[in-house]
């Protein structure tokens, strides 16, 4: 159980770092990232990029 809890904590930290990295992108870089991951079905990175774009009020 401890190993599973440790893995989940590590995963949560990694996802938080990815989200922070996406948030720190400039608008141009964010648009580039969203364009790369603009496939159907969208990947989790694409979802994060599009969510950040919505917060900023920008679109492809």
PDB file of N, CA and C in Angstrom:
ATOM      1  N   UNK A   1       0.827  -1.194   0.000  1.00  0.00           N
ATOM      2  CA  UNK A   1       0.000   0.000   0.000  1.00  0.00           C
ATOM      3  C   UNK A   1       0.873   1.261   0.000  1.00  0.00           C
ATOM      4  N   UNK A   2       1.966   1.208   0.749  1.00  0.00           N
ATOM      5  CA  UNK A   2       2.848   2.380   0.803  1.00  0.00           C
ATOM      6  C   UNK A   2       3.440   2.664  -0.575  1.00  0.00           C
ATOM      7  N   UNK A   3       3.816   1.604  -1.288  1.00  0.00           N
ATOM      8  CA  UNK A   3       4.390   1.792  -2.618  1.00  0.00           C
ATOM      9  C   UNK A   3       3.368   2.439  -3.553  1.00  0.00           C
ATOM     10  N   UNK A   4       2.127   2.009  -3.478  1.00  0.00           N
ATOM     11  CA  UNK A   4       1.073   2.594  -4.312  1.00  0.00           C
ATOM     12  C   UNK A   4       0.856   4.060  -3.946  1.00  0.00           C
ATOM     13  N   UNK A   5       0.824   4.355  -2.657  1.00  0.00           N
ATOM     14  CA  UNK A   5       0.652   5.738  -2.204  1.00  0.00           C
ATOM     15  C   UNK A   5       1.824   6.602  -2.657  1.00  0.00           C
ATOM     16  N   UNK A   6       3.034   6.076  -2.577  1.00  0.00           N
ATOM     17  CA  UNK A   6       4.212   6.826  -3.032  1.00  0.00           C
ATOM     18  C   UNK A   6       4.146   7.092  -4.530  1.00  0.00           C
ATOM     19  N   UNK A   7       3.733   6.082  -5.283  1.00  0.00           N
ATOM     20  CA  UNK A   7       3.617   6.246  -6.734  1.00  0.00           C
ATOM     21  C   UNK A   7       2.561   7.300  -7.076  1.00  0.00           C
ATOM     22  N   UNK A   8       1.447   7.273  -6.375  1.00  0.00           N
ATOM     23  CA  UNK A   8       0.394   8.257  -6.623  1.00  0.00           C
ATOM     24  C   UNK A   8       0.869   9.661  -6.279  1.00  0.00           C
ATOM     25  N   UNK A   9       1.614   9.798  -5.192  1.00  0.00           N
ATOM     26  CA  UNK A   9       2.138  11.112  -4.808  1.00  0.00           C
ATOM     27  C   UNK A   9       3.128  11.619  -5.850  1.00  0.00           C
ATOM     28  N   UNK A  10       3.980  10.735  -6.333  1.00  0.00           N
ATOM     29  CA  UNK A  10       4.941  11.115  -7.366  1.00  0.00           C
ATOM     30  C   UNK A  10       4.228  11.518  -8.650  1.00  0.00           C
ATOM     31  N   UNK A  11       3.217  10.769  -9.004  1.00  0.00           N
ATOM     32  CA  UNK A  11       2.439  11.080 -10.202  1.00  0.00           C
ATOM     33  C   UNK A  11       1.740  12.433 -10.064  1.00  0.00           C
ATOM     34  N   UNK A  12       1.165  12.692  -8.914  1.00  0.00           N
ATOM     35  CA  UNK A  12       0.486  13.969  -8.674  1.00  0.00           C
ATOM     36  C   UNK A  12       1.466  15.130  -8.777  1.00  0.00           C
ATOM     37  N   UNK A  13       2.666  14.962  -8.250  1.00  0.00           N
ATOM     38  CA  UNK A  13       3.688  16.010  -8.343  1.00  0.00           C
ATOM     39  C   UNK A  13       4.090  16.242  -9.793  1.00  0.00           C
ATOM     40  N   UNK A  14       4.236  15.165 -10.544  1.00  0.00           N
ATOM     41  CA  UNK A  14       4.616  15.287 -11.948  1.00  0.00           C
ATOM     42  C   UNK A  14       3.544  16.022 -12.747  1.00  0.00           C
ATOM     43  N   UNK A  15       2.298  15.665 -12.533  1.00  0.00           N
ATOM     44  CA  UNK A  15       1.198  16.337 -13.231  1.00  0.00           C
ATOM     45  C   UNK A  15       1.156  17.817 -12.849  1.00  0.00           C
ATOM     46  N   UNK A  16       1.374  18.123 -11.587  1.00  0.00           N
ATOM     47  CA  UNK A  16       1.389  19.528 -11.147  1.00  0.00           C
ATOM     48  C   UNK A  16       2.524  20.295 -11.819  1.00  0.00           C
ATOM     49  N   UNK A  17       3.674  19.657 -11.977  1.00  0.00           N
ATOM     50  CA  UNK A  17       4.799  20.315 -12.657  1.00  0.00           C
ATOM     51  C   UNK A  17       4.489  20.536 -14.136  1.00  0.00           C
ATOM     52  N   UNK A  18       3.843  19.579 -14.768  1.00  0.00           N
ATOM     53  CA  UNK A  18       3.455  19.735 -16.174  1.00  0.00           C
ATOM     54  C   UNK A  18       2.465  20.877 -16.318  1.00  0.00           C
ATOM     55  N   UNK A  19       1.462  20.911 -15.446  1.00  0.00           N
ATOM     56  CA  UNK A  19       0.472  21.988 -15.495  1.00  0.00           C
ATOM     57  C   UNK A  19       1.128  23.345 -15.274  1.00  0.00           C
ATOM     58  N   UNK A  20       2.067  23.432 -14.343  1.00  0.00           N
ATOM     59  CA  UNK A  20       2.781  24.688 -14.095  1.00  0.00           C
ATOM     60  C   UNK A  20       3.603  25.100 -15.314  1.00  0.00           C
ATOM     61  N   UNK A  21       4.200  24.124 -15.981  1.00  0.00           N
ATOM     62  CA  UNK A  21       4.978  24.421 -17.183  1.00  0.00           C
ATOM     63  C   UNK A  21       4.088  24.966 -18.291  1.00  0.00           C
ATOM     64  N   UNK A  22       2.918  24.389 -18.449  1.00  0.00           N
ATOM     65  CA  UNK A  22       1.982  24.853 -19.467  1.00  0.00           C
ATOM     66  C   UNK A  22       1.499  26.258 -19.132  1.00  0.00           C
ATOM     67  N   UNK A  23       1.212  26.506 -17.877  1.00  0.00           N
ATOM     68  CA  UNK A  23       0.764  27.830 -17.443  1.00  0.00           C
ATOM     69  C   UNK A  23       1.836  28.885 -17.692  1.00  0.00           C
ATOM     70  N   UNK A  24       3.102  28.508 -17.576  1.00  0.00           N
ATOM     71  CA  UNK A  24       4.210  29.451 -17.736  1.00  0.00           C
ATOM     72  C   UNK A  24       4.534  29.762 -19.199  1.00  0.00           C
ATOM     73  N   UNK A  25       3.948  29.030 -20.132  1.00  0.00           N
ATOM     74  CA  UNK A  25       4.236  29.263 -21.543  1.00  0.00           C
ATOM     75  C   UNK A  25       3.706  30.619 -22.002  1.00  0.00           C
ATOM     76  N   UNK A  26       4.410  31.212 -22.947  1.00  0.00           N
ATOM     77  CA  UNK A  26       3.892  32.420 -23.588  1.00  0.00           C
ATOM     78  C   UNK A  26       2.699  32.028 -24.451  1.00  0.00           C
ATOM     79  N   UNK A  27       1.908  32.999 -24.862  1.00  0.00           N
ATOM     80  CA  UNK A  27       0.737  32.699 -25.696  1.00  0.00           C
ATOM     81  C   UNK A  27       1.134  31.975 -26.980  1.00  0.00           C
ATOM     82  N   UNK A  28       2.221  32.422 -27.613  1.00  0.00           N
ATOM     83  CA  UNK A  28       2.655  31.784 -28.862  1.00  0.00           C
ATOM     84  C   UNK A  28       3.038  30.331 -28.637  1.00  0.00           C
ATOM     85  N   UNK A  29       3.803  30.080 -27.587  1.00  0.00           N
ATOM     86  CA  UNK A  29       4.226  28.712 -27.295  1.00  0.00           C
ATOM     87  C   UNK A  29       3.038  27.845 -26.901  1.00  0.00           C
ATOM     88  N   UNK A  30       2.088  28.416 -26.172  1.00  0.00           N
ATOM     89  CA  UNK A  30       0.888  27.676 -25.792  1.00  0.00           C
ATOM     90  C   UNK A  30       0.080  27.298 -27.032  1.00  0.00           C
ATOM     91  N   UNK A  31      -0.040  28.223 -27.967  1.00  0.00           N
ATOM     92  CA  UNK A  31      -0.748  27.927 -29.214  1.00  0.00           C
ATOM     93  C   UNK A  31      -0.033  26.834 -30.003  1.00  0.00           C
ATOM     94  N   UNK A  32       1.300  26.879 -30.033  1.00  0.00           N
ATOM     95  CA  UNK A  32       2.071  25.823 -30.702  1.00  0.00           C
ATOM     96  C   UNK A  32       1.806  24.468 -30.054  1.00  0.00           C
ATOM     97  N   UNK A  33       1.830  24.422 -28.721  1.00  0.00           N
ATOM     98  CA  UNK A  33       1.569  23.170 -28.004  1.00  0.00           C
ATOM     99  C   UNK A  33       0.164  22.658 -28.309  1.00  0.00           C
ATOM    100  N   UNK A  34      -0.804  23.534 -28.264  1.00  0.00           N
ATOM    101  CA  UNK A  34      -2.182  23.137 -28.545  1.00  0.00           C
ATOM    102  C   UNK A  34      -2.317  22.621 -29.971  1.00  0.00           C
ATOM    103  N   UNK A  35      -1.620  23.245 -30.902  1.00  0.00           N
ATOM    104  CA  UNK A  35      -1.678  22.809 -32.297  1.00  0.00           C
ATOM    105  C   UNK A  35      -1.086  21.407 -32.445  1.00  0.00           C
ATOM    106  N   UNK A  36      -0.015  21.140 -31.736  1.00  0.00           N
ATOM    107  CA  UNK A  36       0.615  19.816 -31.794  1.00  0.00           C
ATOM    108  C   UNK A  36      -0.331  18.742 -31.268  1.00  0.00           C
ATOM    109  N   UNK A  37      -1.038  19.045 -30.185  1.00  0.00           N
ATOM    110  CA  UNK A  37      -1.901  18.058 -29.542  1.00  0.00           C
ATOM    111  C   UNK A  37      -3.373  18.212 -29.912  1.00  0.00           C
ATOM    112  N   UNK A  38      -3.653  18.877 -31.019  1.00  0.00           N
ATOM    113  CA  UNK A  38      -5.027  19.088 -31.476  1.00  0.00           C
ATOM    114  C   UNK A  38      -5.463  17.921 -32.356  1.00  0.00           C
ATOM    115  N   UNK A  39      -5.654  16.783 -31.733  1.00  0.00           N
ATOM    116  CA  UNK A  39      -6.119  15.582 -32.432  1.00  0.00           C
ATOM    117  C   UNK A  39      -7.374  15.098 -31.741  1.00  0.00           C
ATOM    118  N   UNK A  40      -8.078  14.228 -32.446  1.00  0.00           N
ATOM    119  CA  UNK A  40      -9.301  13.680 -31.865  1.00  0.00           C
ATOM    120  C   UNK A  40      -9.134  12.189 -31.678  1.00  0.00           C
ATOM    121  N   UNK A  41      -9.224  11.597 -30.548  1.00  0.00           N
ATOM    122  CA  UNK A  41      -9.522  12.258 -29.276  1.00  0.00           C
ATOM    123  C   UNK A  41      -8.280  12.983 -28.752  1.00  0.00           C
ATOM    124  N   UNK A  42      -8.539  14.041 -28.020  1.00  0.00           N
ATOM    125  CA  UNK A  42      -7.448  14.854 -27.508  1.00  0.00           C
ATOM    126  C   UNK A  42      -6.737  14.146 -26.361  1.00  0.00           C
ATOM    127  N   UNK A  43      -5.433  14.338 -26.293  1.00  0.00           N
ATOM    128  CA  UNK A  43      -4.631  13.748 -25.224  1.00  0.00           C
ATOM    129  C   UNK A  43      -4.745  14.611 -23.965  1.00  0.00           C
ATOM    130  N   UNK A  44      -4.293  14.096 -22.832  1.00  0.00           N
ATOM    131  CA  UNK A  44      -4.304  14.903 -21.612  1.00  0.00           C
ATOM    132  C   UNK A  44      -3.499  16.201 -21.757  1.00  0.00           C
ATOM    133  N   UNK A  45      -2.382  16.165 -22.479  1.00  0.00           N
ATOM    134  CA  UNK A  45      -1.624  17.400 -22.697  1.00  0.00           C
ATOM    135  C   UNK A  45      -2.434  18.395 -23.531  1.00  0.00           C
ATOM    136  N   UNK A  46      -3.119  17.885 -24.517  1.00  0.00           N
ATOM    137  CA  UNK A  46      -3.984  18.753 -25.312  1.00  0.00           C
ATOM    138  C   UNK A  46      -5.090  19.352 -24.474  1.00  0.00           C
ATOM    139  N   UNK A  47      -5.685  18.554 -23.617  1.00  0.00           N
ATOM    140  CA  UNK A  47      -6.729  19.062 -22.721  1.00  0.00           C
ATOM    141  C   UNK A  47      -6.195  20.172 -21.825  1.00  0.00           C
ATOM    142  N   UNK A  48      -4.994  19.968 -21.294  1.00  0.00           N
ATOM    143  CA  UNK A  48      -4.389  20.985 -20.424  1.00  0.00           C
ATOM    144  C   UNK A  48      -4.102  22.271 -21.204  1.00  0.00           C
ATOM    145  N   UNK A  49      -3.585  22.122 -22.410  1.00  0.00           N
ATOM    146  CA  UNK A  49      -3.274  23.291 -23.234  1.00  0.00           C
ATOM    147  C   UNK A  49      -4.543  24.057 -23.584  1.00  0.00           C
ATOM    148  N   UNK A  50      -5.585  23.344 -23.979  1.00  0.00           N
ATOM    149  CA  UNK A  50      -6.824  24.022 -24.344  1.00  0.00           C
ATOM    150  C   UNK A  50      -7.511  24.654 -23.130  1.00  0.00           C
ATOM    151  N   UNK A  51      -7.382  24.038 -21.970  1.00  0.00           N
ATOM    152  CA  UNK A  51      -7.936  24.636 -20.756  1.00  0.00           C
ATOM    153  C   UNK A  51      -7.223  25.947 -20.429  1.00  0.00           C
ATOM    154  N   UNK A  52      -5.907  25.957 -20.579  1.00  0.00           N
ATOM    155  CA  UNK A  52      -5.144  27.186 -20.326  1.00  0.00           C
ATOM    156  C   UNK A  52      -5.477  28.260 -21.364  1.00  0.00           C
ATOM    157  N   UNK A  53      -5.656  27.849 -22.607  1.00  0.00           N
ATOM    158  CA  UNK A  53      -6.062  28.804 -23.636  1.00  0.00           C
ATOM    159  C   UNK A  53      -7.407  29.423 -23.304  1.00  0.00           C
ATOM    160  N   UNK A  54      -8.345  28.620 -22.820  1.00  0.00           N
ATOM    161  CA  UNK A  54      -9.657  29.141 -22.438  1.00  0.00           C
ATOM    162  C   UNK A  54      -9.534  30.164 -21.310  1.00  0.00           C
ATOM    163  N   UNK A  55      -8.655  29.890 -20.355  1.00  0.00           N
ATOM    164  CA  UNK A  55      -8.434  30.842 -19.253  1.00  0.00           C
ATOM    165  C   UNK A  55      -7.925  32.166 -19.772  1.00  0.00           C
ATOM    166  N   UNK A  56      -7.070  32.102 -20.803  1.00  0.00           N
ATOM    167  CA  UNK A  56      -6.461  33.312 -21.359  1.00  0.00           C
ATOM    168  C   UNK A  56      -7.334  33.971 -22.418  1.00  0.00           C
ATOM    169  N   UNK A  57      -8.358  33.277 -22.854  1.00  0.00           N
ATOM    170  CA  UNK A  57      -9.241  33.831 -23.879  1.00  0.00           C
ATOM    171  C   UNK A  57      -8.623  33.828 -25.268  1.00  0.00           C
ATOM    172  N   UNK A  58      -7.801  32.822 -25.561  1.00  0.00           N
ATOM    173  CA  UNK A  58      -7.186  32.711 -26.887  1.00  0.00           C
ATOM    174  C   UNK A  58      -7.614  31.393 -27.517  1.00  0.00           C
ATOM    175  N   UNK A  59      -7.508  31.334 -28.839  1.00  0.00           N
ATOM    176  CA  UNK A  59      -7.874  30.107 -29.547  1.00  0.00           C
ATOM    177  C   UNK A  59      -6.985  29.945 -30.768  1.00  0.00           C
ATOM    178  N   UNK A  60      -7.011  28.728 -31.314  1.00  0.00           N
ATOM    179  CA  UNK A  60      -6.215  28.441 -32.513  1.00  0.00           C
ATOM    180  C   UNK A  60      -6.796  29.134 -33.714  1.00  0.00           C
TER     181      UNK A  60
END
